[in-house]
All heavy atoms as atom14 arrays in JSON, in Angstrom:
{
  "sequence": "IQLDNGGLHHALDITIPDNILLLFQPAYSPQVNPIERFCQELKKLL",
  "atom14_mask": [
    [1, 1, 1, 1, 1, 1, 1, 1, 0, 0, 0, 0, 0, 0],
    [1, 1, 1, 1, 1, 1, 1, 1, 1, 0, 0, 0, 0, 0],
    [1, 1, 1, 1, 1, 1, 1, 1, 0, 0, 0, 0, 0, 0],
    [1, 1, 1, 1, 1, 1, 1, 1, 0, 0, 0, 0, 0, 0],
    [1, 1, 1, 1, 1, 1, 1, 1, 0, 0, 0, 0, 0, 0],
    [1, 1, 1, 1, 0, 0, 0, 0, 0, 0, 0, 0, 0, 0],
    [1, 1, 1, 1, 0, 0, 0, 0, 0, 0, 0, 0, 0, 0],
    [1, 1, 1, 1, 1, 1, 1, 1, 0, 0, 0, 0, 0, 0],
    [1, 1, 1, 1, 1, 1, 1, 1, 1, 1, 0, 0, 0, 0],
    [1, 1, 1, 1, 1, 1, 1, 1, 1, 1, 0, 0, 0, 0],
    [1, 1, 1, 1, 1, 0, 0, 0, 0, 0, 0, 0, 0, 0],
    [1, 1, 1, 1, 1, 1, 1, 1, 0, 0, 0, 0, 0, 0],
    [1, 1, 1, 1, 1, 1, 1, 1, 0, 0, 0, 0, 0, 0],
    [1, 1, 1, 1, 1, 1, 1, 1, 0, 0, 0, 0, 0, 0],
    [1, 1, 1, 1, 1, 1, 1, 0, 0, 0, 0, 0, 0, 0],
    [1, 1, 1, 1, 1, 1, 1, 1, 0, 0, 0, 0, 0, 0],
    [1, 1, 1, 1, 1, 1, 1, 0, 0, 0, 0, 0, 0, 0],
    [1, 1, 1, 1, 1, 1, 1, 1, 0, 0, 0, 0, 0, 0],
    [1, 1, 1, 1, 1, 1, 1, 1, 0, 0, 0, 0, 0, 0],
    [1, 1, 1, 1, 1, 1, 1, 1, 0, 0, 0, 0, 0, 0],
    [1, 1, 1, 1, 1, 1, 1, 1, 0, 0, 0, 0, 0, 0],
    [1, 1, 1, 1, 1, 1, 1, 1, 0, 0, 0, 0, 0, 0],
    [1, 1, 1, 1, 1, 1, 1, 1, 0, 0, 0, 0, 0, 0],
    [1, 1, 1, 1, 1, 1, 1, 1, 1, 1, 1, 0, 0, 0],
    [1, 1, 1, 1, 1, 1, 1, 1, 1, 0, 0, 0, 0, 0],
    [1, 1, 1, 1, 1, 1, 1, 0, 0, 0, 0, 0, 0, 0],
    [1, 1, 1, 1, 1, 0, 0, 0, 0, 0, 0, 0, 0, 0],
    [1, 1, 1, 1, 1, 1, 1, 1, 1, 1, 1, 1, 0, 0],
    [1, 1, 1, 1, 1, 1, 0, 0, 0, 0, 0, 0, 0, 0],
    [1, 1, 1, 1, 1, 1, 1, 0, 0, 0, 0, 0, 0, 0],
    [1, 1, 1, 1, 1, 1, 1, 1, 1, 0, 0, 0, 0, 0],
    [1, 1, 1, 1, 1, 1, 1, 0, 0, 0, 0, 0, 0, 0],
    [1, 1, 1, 1, 1, 1, 1, 1, 0, 0, 0, 0, 0, 0],
    [1, 1, 1, 1, 1, 1, 1, 0, 0, 0, 0, 0, 0, 0],
    [1, 1, 1, 1, 1, 1, 1, 1, 0, 0, 0, 0, 0, 0],
    [1, 1, 1, 1, 1, 1, 1, 1, 1, 0, 0, 0, 0, 0],
    [1, 1, 1, 1, 1, 1, 1, 1, 1, 1, 1, 0, 0, 0],
    [1, 1, 1, 1, 1, 1, 1, 1, 1, 1, 1, 0, 0, 0],
    [1, 1, 1, 1, 1, 1, 0, 0, 0, 0, 0, 0, 0, 0],
    [1, 1, 1, 1, 1, 1, 1, 1, 1, 0, 0, 0, 0, 0],
    [1, 1, 1, 1, 1, 1, 1, 1, 1, 0, 0, 0, 0, 0],
    [1, 1, 1, 1, 1, 1, 1, 1, 0, 0, 0, 0, 0, 0],
    [1, 1, 1, 1, 1, 1, 1, 1, 1, 0, 0, 0, 0, 0],
    [1, 1, 1, 1, 1, 1, 1, 1, 1, 0, 0, 0, 0, 0],
    [1, 1, 1, 1, 1, 1, 1, 1, 0, 0, 0, 0, 0, 0],
    [1, 1, 1, 1, 1, 1, 1, 1, 0, 0, 0, 0, 0, 0]
  ],
  "atom14_positions": [
    [[0.87, -1.18, 0.0], [0.0, 0.0, 0.0], [0.9, 1.23, 0.0], [1.79, 1.35, 0.84], [-0.93, 0.03, 1.23], [-1.82, -1.21, 1.25], [-1.75, 1.3, 1.25], [-2.66, -1.34, 2.5], [0.0, 0.0, 0.0], [0.0, 0.0, 0.0], [0.0, 0.0, 0.0], [0.0, 0.0, 0.0], [0.0, 0.0, 0.0], [0.0, 0.0, 0.0]],
    [[0.67, 2.12, -0.95], [1.44, 3.35, -1.01], [0.7, 4.42, -0.22], [-0.5, 4.6, -0.4], [1.65, 3.82, -2.44], [2.49, 5.07, -2.52], [2.73, 5.52, -3.94], [2.43, 4.82, -4.88], [3.27, 6.71, -4.09], [0.0, 0.0, 0.0], [0.0, 0.0, 0.0], [0.0, 0.0, 0.0], [0.0, 0.0, 0.0], [0.0, 0.0, 0.0]],
    [[1.42, 5.11, 0.64], [0.81, 6.13, 1.51], [1.59, 7.43, 1.43], [2.8, 7.43, 1.21], [0.83, 5.65, 2.97], [0.15, 4.32, 3.25], [0.56, 3.8, 4.61], [-1.34, 4.47, 3.16], [0.0, 0.0, 0.0], [0.0, 0.0, 0.0], [0.0, 0.0, 0.0], [0.0, 0.0, 0.0], [0.0, 0.0, 0.0], [0.0, 0.0, 0.0]],
    [[0.87, 8.53, 1.66], [1.6, 9.78, 1.81], [2.12, 9.82, 3.25], [1.97, 8.85, 4.0], [0.73, 10.99, 1.48], [-0.5, 11.12, 2.37], [-0.51, 10.54, 3.48], [-1.45, 11.81, 1.97], [0.0, 0.0, 0.0], [0.0, 0.0, 0.0], [0.0, 0.0, 0.0], [0.0, 0.0, 0.0], [0.0, 0.0, 0.0], [0.0, 0.0, 0.0]],
    [[2.74, 10.88, 3.63], [3.32, 10.94, 4.97], [2.41, 11.63, 5.97], [2.89, 12.27, 6.91], [4.69, 11.63, 4.92], [5.79, 10.63, 4.65], [5.94, 9.67, 5.38], [6.53, 10.83, 3.58], [0.0, 0.0, 0.0], [0.0, 0.0, 0.0], [0.0, 0.0, 0.0], [0.0, 0.0, 0.0], [0.0, 0.0, 0.0], [0.0, 0.0, 0.0]],
    [[1.11, 11.52, 5.79], [0.16, 12.09, 6.74], [0.32, 11.47, 8.12], [0.64, 10.28, 8.24], [0.0, 0.0, 0.0], [0.0, 0.0, 0.0], [0.0, 0.0, 0.0], [0.0, 0.0, 0.0], [0.0, 0.0, 0.0], [0.0, 0.0, 0.0], [0.0, 0.0, 0.0], [0.0, 0.0, 0.0], [0.0, 0.0, 0.0], [0.0, 0.0, 0.0]],
    [[0.07, 12.26, 9.14], [0.23, 11.78, 10.51], [-0.6, 10.55, 10.82], [-0.17, 9.68, 11.56], [0.0, 0.0, 0.0], [0.0, 0.0, 0.0], [0.0, 0.0, 0.0], [0.0, 0.0, 0.0], [0.0, 0.0, 0.0], [0.0, 0.0, 0.0], [0.0, 0.0, 0.0], [0.0, 0.0, 0.0], [0.0, 0.0, 0.0], [0.0, 0.0, 0.0]],
    [[-1.78, 10.47, 10.24], [-2.65, 9.32, 10.47], [-1.99, 8.03, 10.02], [-2.16, 6.98, 10.65], [-3.98, 9.52, 9.73], [-4.96, 8.36, 9.81], [-5.43, 8.17, 11.24], [-6.15, 8.63, 8.91], [0.0, 0.0, 0.0], [0.0, 0.0, 0.0], [0.0, 0.0, 0.0], [0.0, 0.0, 0.0], [0.0, 0.0, 0.0], [0.0, 0.0, 0.0]],
    [[-1.21, 8.09, 8.96], [-0.56, 6.89, 8.44], [0.62, 6.43, 9.29], [1.16, 5.36, 9.08], [-0.1, 7.12, 6.99], [-1.23, 7.38, 6.08], [-1.17, 8.32, 5.08], [-2.48, 6.85, 6.01], [-2.32, 8.35, 4.43], [-3.13, 7.47, 4.98], [0.0, 0.0, 0.0], [0.0, 0.0, 0.0], [0.0, 0.0, 0.0], [0.0, 0.0, 0.0]],
    [[1.01, 7.24, 10.24], [2.12, 6.88, 11.12], [1.62, 6.59, 12.54], [2.4, 6.58, 13.48], [3.16, 8.01, 11.17], [3.91, 8.16, 9.88], [4.95, 7.33, 9.53], [3.75, 9.04, 8.86], [5.41, 7.7, 8.35], [4.71, 8.73, 7.92], [0.0, 0.0, 0.0], [0.0, 0.0, 0.0], [0.0, 0.0, 0.0], [0.0, 0.0, 0.0]],
    [[0.32, 6.39, 12.7], [-0.24, 6.12, 14.02], [0.42, 4.88, 14.62], [0.71, 3.92, 13.93], [-1.75, 5.93, 13.92], [0.0, 0.0, 0.0], [0.0, 0.0, 0.0], [0.0, 0.0, 0.0], [0.0, 0.0, 0.0], [0.0, 0.0, 0.0], [0.0, 0.0, 0.0], [0.0, 0.0, 0.0], [0.0, 0.0, 0.0], [0.0, 0.0, 0.0]],
    [[0.65, 4.94, 15.9], [1.35, 3.84, 16.56], [0.44, 2.66, 16.89], [0.92, 1.57, 17.16], [2.0, 4.35, 17.85], [3.07, 5.43, 17.66], [3.55, 5.92, 19.01], [4.23, 4.89, 16.84], [0.0, 0.0, 0.0], [0.0, 0.0, 0.0], [0.0, 0.0, 0.0], [0.0, 0.0, 0.0], [0.0, 0.0, 0.0], [0.0, 0.0, 0.0]],
    [[-0.86, 2.87, 16.87], [-1.76, 1.81, 17.32], [-2.4, 1.01, 16.18], [-3.37, 0.32, 16.4], [-2.84, 2.4, 18.23], [-3.68, 3.46, 17.53], [-3.28, 3.93, 16.46], [-4.75, 3.81, 18.07], [0.0, 0.0, 0.0], [0.0, 0.0, 0.0], [0.0, 0.0, 0.0], [0.0, 0.0, 0.0], [0.0, 0.0, 0.0], [0.0, 0.0, 0.0]],
    [[-1.86, 1.09, 14.97], [-2.41, 0.26, 13.9], [-1.61, -1.02, 13.78], [-0.4, -1.04, 13.98], [-2.43, 0.99, 12.53], [-1.14, 1.73, 12.24], [-3.61, 1.87, 12.36], [-1.11, 2.35, 10.86], [0.0, 0.0, 0.0], [0.0, 0.0, 0.0], [0.0, 0.0, 0.0], [0.0, 0.0, 0.0], [0.0, 0.0, 0.0], [0.0, 0.0, 0.0]],
    [[-2.34, -2.07, 13.49], [-1.7, -3.37, 13.29], [-1.65, -3.64, 11.8], [-2.67, -3.6, 11.13], [-2.51, -4.47, 13.99], [-2.62, -4.14, 15.38], [-1.84, -5.82, 13.84], [0.0, 0.0, 0.0], [0.0, 0.0, 0.0], [0.0, 0.0, 0.0], [0.0, 0.0, 0.0], [0.0, 0.0, 0.0], [0.0, 0.0, 0.0], [0.0, 0.0, 0.0]],
    [[-0.46, -3.89, 11.31], [-0.28, -4.13, 9.89], [0.01, -5.62, 9.7], [0.98, -6.14, 10.27], [0.88, -3.28, 9.33], [0.59, -1.81, 9.59], [1.1, -3.56, 7.86], [1.78, -0.91, 9.43], [0.0, 0.0, 0.0], [0.0, 0.0, 0.0], [0.0, 0.0, 0.0], [0.0, 0.0, 0.0], [0.0, 0.0, 0.0], [0.0, 0.0, 0.0]],
    [[-0.83, -6.3, 8.93], [-0.6, -7.74, 8.7], [0.77, -7.99, 8.06], [1.33, -7.13, 7.38], [-1.72, -8.14, 7.74], [-2.75, -7.07, 7.88], [-2.02, -5.82, 8.25], [0.0, 0.0, 0.0], [0.0, 0.0, 0.0], [0.0, 0.0, 0.0], [0.0, 0.0, 0.0], [0.0, 0.0, 0.0], [0.0, 0.0, 0.0], [0.0, 0.0, 0.0]],
    [[1.3, -9.18, 8.29], [2.62, -9.53, 7.77], [2.69, -9.51, 6.25], [3.76, -9.3, 5.68], [3.03, -10.92, 8.27], [3.3, -10.92, 9.77], [3.61, -9.85, 10.32], [3.2, -12.01, 10.37], [0.0, 0.0, 0.0], [0.0, 0.0, 0.0], [0.0, 0.0, 0.0], [0.0, 0.0, 0.0], [0.0, 0.0, 0.0], [0.0, 0.0, 0.0]],
    [[1.56, -9.72, 5.59], [1.57, -9.77, 4.12], [1.34, -8.39, 3.49], [1.15, -8.29, 2.29], [0.54, -10.76, 3.6], [-0.88, -10.35, 3.94], [-1.12, -9.54, 4.84], [-1.84, -10.91, 3.24], [0.0, 0.0, 0.0], [0.0, 0.0, 0.0], [0.0, 0.0, 0.0], [0.0, 0.0, 0.0], [0.0, 0.0, 0.0], [0.0, 0.0, 0.0]],
    [[1.37, -7.34, 4.28], [1.19, -5.97, 3.78], [2.49, -5.2, 3.99], [3.07, -5.2, 5.07], [0.04, -5.24, 4.52], [-1.28, -5.97, 4.33], [-0.05, -3.79, 4.09], [-1.81, -5.93, 2.91], [0.0, 0.0, 0.0], [0.0, 0.0, 0.0], [0.0, 0.0, 0.0], [0.0, 0.0, 0.0], [0.0, 0.0, 0.0], [0.0, 0.0, 0.0]],
    [[2.93, -4.53, 2.94], [4.11, -3.68, 2.99], [3.66, -2.25, 2.76], [2.98, -1.96, 1.77], [5.12, -4.1, 1.92], [6.34, -3.22, 1.74], [7.23, -3.31, 2.98], [7.12, -3.65, 0.52], [0.0, 0.0, 0.0], [0.0, 0.0, 0.0], [0.0, 0.0, 0.0], [0.0, 0.0, 0.0], [0.0, 0.0, 0.0], [0.0, 0.0, 0.0]],
    [[4.02, -1.35, 3.68], [3.68, 0.06, 3.52], [4.84, 0.77, 2.82], [5.99, 0.66, 3.26], [3.41, 0.71, 4.88], [2.27, 0.12, 5.69], [2.1, 0.9, 6.99], [0.98, 0.11, 4.89], [0.0, 0.0, 0.0], [0.0, 0.0, 0.0], [0.0, 0.0, 0.0], [0.0, 0.0, 0.0], [0.0, 0.0, 0.0], [0.0, 0.0, 0.0]],
    [[4.53, 1.46, 1.75], [5.53, 2.24, 1.01], [5.15, 3.71, 1.14], [4.15, 4.14, 0.59], [5.56, 1.82, -0.45], [6.52, 2.58, -1.36], [7.96, 2.36, -0.91], [6.35, 2.14, -2.8], [0.0, 0.0, 0.0], [0.0, 0.0, 0.0], [0.0, 0.0, 0.0], [0.0, 0.0, 0.0], [0.0, 0.0, 0.0], [0.0, 0.0, 0.0]],
    [[5.93, 4.45, 1.92], [5.64, 5.85, 2.15], [6.3, 6.69, 1.07], [7.49, 6.55, 0.8], [6.14, 6.29, 3.53], [5.32, 5.73, 4.65], [5.67, 4.55, 5.26], [4.17, 6.37, 5.07], [4.92, 4.02, 6.28], [3.39, 5.85, 6.08], [3.77, 4.67, 6.69], [0.0, 0.0, 0.0], [0.0, 0.0, 0.0], [0.0, 0.0, 0.0]],
    [[5.5, 7.56, 0.46], [6.06, 8.45, -0.55], [6.71, 9.64, 0.15], [6.36, 9.96, 1.28], [4.98, 8.9, -1.52], [3.91, 9.77, -0.9], [2.75, 10.0, -1.85], [2.33, 9.1, -2.55], [2.23, 11.2, -1.86], [0.0, 0.0, 0.0], [0.0, 0.0, 0.0], [0.0, 0.0, 0.0], [0.0, 0.0, 0.0], [0.0, 0.0, 0.0]],
    [[7.67, 10.29, -0.49], [8.32, 11.45, 0.11], [7.31, 12.56, 0.39], [6.3, 12.7, -0.31], [9.32, 11.89, -0.95], [9.51, 10.71, -1.83], [8.22, 9.96, -1.8], [0.0, 0.0, 0.0], [0.0, 0.0, 0.0], [0.0, 0.0, 0.0], [0.0, 0.0, 0.0], [0.0, 0.0, 0.0], [0.0, 0.0, 0.0], [0.0, 0.0, 0.0]],
    [[7.59, 13.33, 1.42], [6.71, 14.46, 1.77], [6.63, 15.46, 0.62], [7.61, 15.68, -0.08], [7.23, 15.14, 3.03], [0.0, 0.0, 0.0], [0.0, 0.0, 0.0], [0.0, 0.0, 0.0], [0.0, 0.0, 0.0], [0.0, 0.0, 0.0], [0.0, 0.0, 0.0], [0.0, 0.0, 0.0], [0.0, 0.0, 0.0], [0.0, 0.0, 0.0]],
    [[5.46, 16.04, 0.45], [5.23, 17.08, -0.55], [5.64, 16.64, -1.96], [6.36, 17.34, -2.65], [5.95, 18.38, -0.17], [5.65, 18.82, 1.23], [6.58, 18.68, 2.25], [4.39, 19.33, 1.55], [6.29, 19.06, 3.55], [4.09, 19.72, 2.85], [5.03, 19.59, 3.84], [4.73, 19.96, 5.11], [0.0, 0.0, 0.0], [0.0, 0.0, 0.0]],
    [[5.2, 15.48, -2.35], [5.56, 14.98, -3.68], [4.35, 14.37, -4.38], [4.28, 13.16, -4.58], [6.68, 13.95, -3.56], [6.29, 12.93, -2.67], [0.0, 0.0, 0.0], [0.0, 0.0, 0.0], [0.0, 0.0, 0.0], [0.0, 0.0, 0.0], [0.0, 0.0, 0.0], [0.0, 0.0, 0.0], [0.0, 0.0, 0.0], [0.0, 0.0, 0.0]],
    [[3.39, 15.2, -4.76], [2.2, 14.66, -5.43], [2.52, 13.98, -6.76], [1.76, 13.14, -7.23], [1.32, 15.89, -5.65], [2.25, 17.05, -5.6], [3.35, 16.64, -4.66], [0.0, 0.0, 0.0], [0.0, 0.0, 0.0], [0.0, 0.0, 0.0], [0.0, 0.0, 0.0], [0.0, 0.0, 0.0], [0.0, 0.0, 0.0], [0.0, 0.0, 0.0]],
    [[3.69, 14.3, -7.34], [4.05, 13.69, -8.62], [4.27, 12.19, -8.52], [4.26, 11.49, -9.52], [5.27, 14.38, -9.24], [6.56, 14.19, -8.49], [6.78, 15.16, -7.34], [5.87, 15.86, -6.91], [7.99, 15.2, -6.84], [0.0, 0.0, 0.0], [0.0, 0.0, 0.0], [0.0, 0.0, 0.0], [0.0, 0.0, 0.0], [0.0, 0.0, 0.0]],
    [[4.47, 11.66, -7.32], [4.64, 10.21, -7.17], [3.39, 9.53, -6.62], [3.41, 8.36, -6.3], [5.86, 9.85, -6.29], [7.13, 10.35, -6.93], [5.7, 10.36, -4.88], [0.0, 0.0, 0.0], [0.0, 0.0, 0.0], [0.0, 0.0, 0.0], [0.0, 0.0, 0.0], [0.0, 0.0, 0.0], [0.0, 0.0, 0.0], [0.0, 0.0, 0.0]],
    [[2.3, 10.27, -6.53], [1.05, 9.72, -6.04], [0.26, 9.19, -7.23], [-0.12, 9.94, -8.12], [0.26, 10.81, -5.31], [-0.96, 10.28, -4.61], [-1.46, 9.21, -4.92], [-1.45, 11.06, -3.66], [0.0, 0.0, 0.0], [0.0, 0.0, 0.0], [0.0, 0.0, 0.0], [0.0, 0.0, 0.0], [0.0, 0.0, 0.0], [0.0, 0.0, 0.0]],
    [[-0.02, 7.89, -7.25], [-0.72, 7.31, -8.41], [-2.07, 7.97, -8.71], [-2.47, 8.07, -9.86], [-0.93, 5.85, -8.0], [0.14, 5.57, -7.03], [0.35, 6.86, -6.28], [0.0, 0.0, 0.0], [0.0, 0.0, 0.0], [0.0, 0.0, 0.0], [0.0, 0.0, 0.0], [0.0, 0.0, 0.0], [0.0, 0.0, 0.0], [0.0, 0.0, 0.0]],
    [[-2.76, 8.46, -7.7], [-4.07, 9.08, -7.95], [-3.91, 10.35, -8.78], [-4.8, 10.71, -9.55], [-4.84, 9.34, -6.63], [-6.31, 9.64, -6.92], [-4.21, 10.46, -5.85], [-7.1, 8.52, -7.51], [0.0, 0.0, 0.0], [0.0, 0.0, 0.0], [0.0, 0.0, 0.0], [0.0, 0.0, 0.0], [0.0, 0.0, 0.0], [0.0, 0.0, 0.0]],
    [[-2.78, 11.01, -8.66], [-2.54, 12.22, -9.46], [-2.48, 11.88, -10.95], [-3.02, 12.6, -11.78], [-1.26, 12.92, -9.01], [-1.28, 13.43, -7.59], [-2.26, 14.57, -7.38], [-2.6, 15.28, -8.34], [-2.68, 14.74, -6.22], [0.0, 0.0, 0.0], [0.0, 0.0, 0.0], [0.0, 0.0, 0.0], [0.0, 0.0, 0.0], [0.0, 0.0, 0.0]],
    [[-1.81, 10.78, -11.28], [-1.76, 10.36, -12.7], [-3.14, 9.96, -13.19], [-3.52, 10.22, -14.33], [-0.79, 9.21, -12.87], [0.65, 9.64, -12.76], [1.61, 8.53, -13.05], [1.55, 8.12, -14.45], [2.21, 7.1, -14.94], [2.97, 6.36, -14.16], [2.13, 6.79, -16.21], [0.0, 0.0, 0.0], [0.0, 0.0, 0.0], [0.0, 0.0, 0.0]],
    [[-3.89, 9.3, -12.33], [-5.24, 8.9, -12.68], [-6.1, 10.13, -12.98], [-6.82, 10.18, -13.98], [-5.84, 8.08, -11.54], [-7.24, 7.64, -11.78], [-7.51, 6.63, -12.71], [-8.29, 8.2, -11.1], [-8.8, 6.22, -12.93], [-9.58, 7.8, -11.32], [-9.85, 6.8, -12.25], [0.0, 0.0, 0.0], [0.0, 0.0, 0.0], [0.0, 0.0, 0.0]],
    [[-5.99, 11.14, -12.13], [-6.75, 12.38, -12.35], [-6.33, 13.08, -13.64], [-7.16, 13.65, -14.33], [-6.59, 13.31, -11.15], [-7.48, 12.75, -9.7], [0.0, 0.0, 0.0], [0.0, 0.0, 0.0], [0.0, 0.0, 0.0], [0.0, 0.0, 0.0], [0.0, 0.0, 0.0], [0.0, 0.0, 0.0], [0.0, 0.0, 0.0], [0.0, 0.0, 0.0]],
    [[-5.05, 13.02, -13.97], [-4.57, 13.61, -15.23], [-5.24, 12.93, -16.42], [-5.61, 13.59, -17.39], [-3.06, 13.48, -15.34], [-2.3, 14.42, -14.46], [-0.8, 14.2, -14.56], [-0.32, 13.28, -15.23], [-0.04, 15.03, -13.86], [0.0, 0.0, 0.0], [0.0, 0.0, 0.0], [0.0, 0.0, 0.0], [0.0, 0.0, 0.0], [0.0, 0.0, 0.0]],
    [[-5.39, 11.62, -16.34], [-6.05, 10.89, -17.44], [-7.51, 11.31, -17.56], [-8.01, 11.5, -18.67], [-5.95, 9.38, -17.21], [-4.57, 8.83, -17.39], [-4.02, 9.08, -18.8], [-4.72, 8.78, -19.78], [-2.89, 9.56, -18.91], [0.0, 0.0, 0.0], [0.0, 0.0, 0.0], [0.0, 0.0, 0.0], [0.0, 0.0, 0.0], [0.0, 0.0, 0.0]],
    [[-8.2, 11.46, -16.44], [-9.59, 11.9, -16.49], [-9.7, 13.32, -17.06], [-10.61, 13.61, -17.85], [-10.24, 11.84, -15.1], [-10.55, 10.45, -14.59], [-11.09, 10.52, -13.16], [-11.54, 9.73, -15.49], [0.0, 0.0, 0.0], [0.0, 0.0, 0.0], [0.0, 0.0, 0.0], [0.0, 0.0, 0.0], [0.0, 0.0, 0.0], [0.0, 0.0, 0.0]],
    [[-8.77, 14.17, -16.69], [-8.78, 15.54, -17.21], [-8.59, 15.56, -18.72], [-9.2, 16.36, -19.42], [-7.7, 16.38, -16.53], [-8.02, 16.73, -15.11], [-6.86, 17.5, -14.49], [-7.08, 17.74, -13.03], [-5.95, 18.44, -12.4], [0.0, 0.0, 0.0], [0.0, 0.0, 0.0], [0.0, 0.0, 0.0], [0.0, 0.0, 0.0], [0.0, 0.0, 0.0]],
    [[-7.74, 14.66, -19.23], [-7.55, 14.57, -20.68], [-8.85, 14.23, -21.39], [-9.14, 14.75, -22.47], [-6.51, 13.5, -21.02], [-5.09, 13.88, -20.72], [-4.17, 12.73, -21.09], [-2.78, 12.94, -20.58], [-1.91, 11.78, -20.86], [0.0, 0.0, 0.0], [0.0, 0.0, 0.0], [0.0, 0.0, 0.0], [0.0, 0.0, 0.0], [0.0, 0.0, 0.0]],
    [[-9.64, 13.36, -20.79], [-10.91, 12.96, -21.41], [-11.94, 14.09, -21.37], [-12.79, 14.18, -22.24], [-11.49, 11.74, -20.67], [-10.7, 10.44, -20.79], [-11.26, 9.4, -19.84], [-10.75, 9.92, -22.22], [0.0, 0.0, 0.0], [0.0, 0.0, 0.0], [0.0, 0.0, 0.0], [0.0, 0.0, 0.0], [0.0, 0.0, 0.0], [0.0, 0.0, 0.0]],
    [[-11.86, 14.92, -20.36], [-12.89, 15.93, -20.14], [-12.52, 17.34, -20.59], [-13.39, 18.2, -20.67], [-13.26, 15.98, -18.66], [-13.84, 14.71, -18.06], [-13.93, 14.83, -16.55], [-15.21, 14.42, -18.66], [0.0, 0.0, 0.0], [0.0, 0.0, 0.0], [0.0, 0.0, 0.0], [0.0, 0.0, 0.0], [0.0, 0.0, 0.0], [0.0, 0.0, 0.0]]
  ]
}
């Protein structure tokens, strides 16, 4: 799961299953957020 560096994503009380790997993107880097590319594609259509 790719996550931004929001404080909620660093909460100490979450349990992460062994088969899940968290990949934190660098702070202030929307260019590496997959949803941004997805939105660009929708904008092209519209």
